[in-house]
Amino acid sequence: MPQLVKKTKMCNPDAFLDEQDLKDIAESQEAVRQGRVYTHEEVGKILGFR
């Protein structure tokens, strides 16, 4: 089981982030820094909604 990290500045103090969550957040931050922009349709496909 992956190690869970307690994030103290969240609205829900009982919320935990696992290693994959932290990796996804870091990748998203890098995408923003690089100026990558996604449409609603692209996001839906990435998340498997469409």
Protein backbone atom coordinates (compact mmCIF):
# COMPACT_ATOMS: atom_id res chain seq x y z
CA MET A 1 0.00 0.00 0.00
CA PRO A 2 1.43 3.43 -0.91
CA GLN A 3 2.45 5.74 1.87
CA LEU A 4 -0.18 8.42 2.54
CA VAL A 5 0.72 12.02 3.24
CA LYS A 6 -1.46 14.17 5.46
CA LYS A 7 -2.02 17.57 3.89
CA THR A 8 -2.70 20.02 6.74
CA LYS A 9 -3.78 23.13 4.76
CA MET A 10 -6.76 21.46 3.09
CA CYS A 11 -10.38 22.26 3.85
CA ASN A 12 -10.82 18.68 5.03
CA PRO A 13 -8.16 18.02 7.71
CA ASP A 14 -8.80 14.27 7.42
CA ALA A 15 -7.87 14.16 3.73
CA PHE A 16 -4.78 12.26 2.65
CA LEU A 17 -2.78 12.29 -0.59
CA ASP A 18 -0.91 9.21 -1.78
CA GLU A 19 2.27 9.24 -3.87
CA GLN A 20 0.31 9.10 -7.17
CA ASP A 21 -1.72 12.15 -6.14
CA LEU A 22 1.48 14.08 -5.41
CA LYS A 23 2.97 13.02 -8.75
CA ASP A 24 -0.18 14.12 -10.62
CA ILE A 25 -0.14 17.48 -8.85
CA ALA A 26 3.52 18.03 -9.74
CA GLU A 27 2.83 17.17 -13.40
CA SER A 28 -0.11 19.58 -13.45
CA GLN A 29 1.97 22.36 -11.95
CA GLU A 30 4.64 21.80 -14.62
CA ALA A 31 2.01 21.92 -17.37
CA VAL A 32 0.79 25.27 -16.05
CA ARG A 33 4.35 26.62 -15.89
CA GLN A 34 4.90 25.59 -19.51
CA GLY A 35 1.67 27.26 -20.58
CA ARG A 36 -0.08 24.09 -21.75
CA VAL A 37 -3.81 24.66 -22.15
CA TYR A 38 -6.49 21.98 -22.52
CA THR A 39 -10.06 22.28 -23.78
CA HIS A 40 -12.99 20.83 -21.84
CA GLU A 41 -13.21 18.05 -24.43
CA GLU A 42 -9.52 17.13 -24.03
CA VAL A 43 -9.83 17.06 -20.25
CA GLY A 44 -12.92 14.85 -20.52
CA LYS A 45 -11.00 12.39 -22.70
CA ILE A 46 -7.98 12.40 -20.38
CA LEU A 47 -10.20 11.71 -17.36
CA GLY A 48 -12.21 9.09 -19.24
CA PHE A 49 -15.53 10.95 -19.19
CA ARG A 50 -15.95 10.97 -22.97
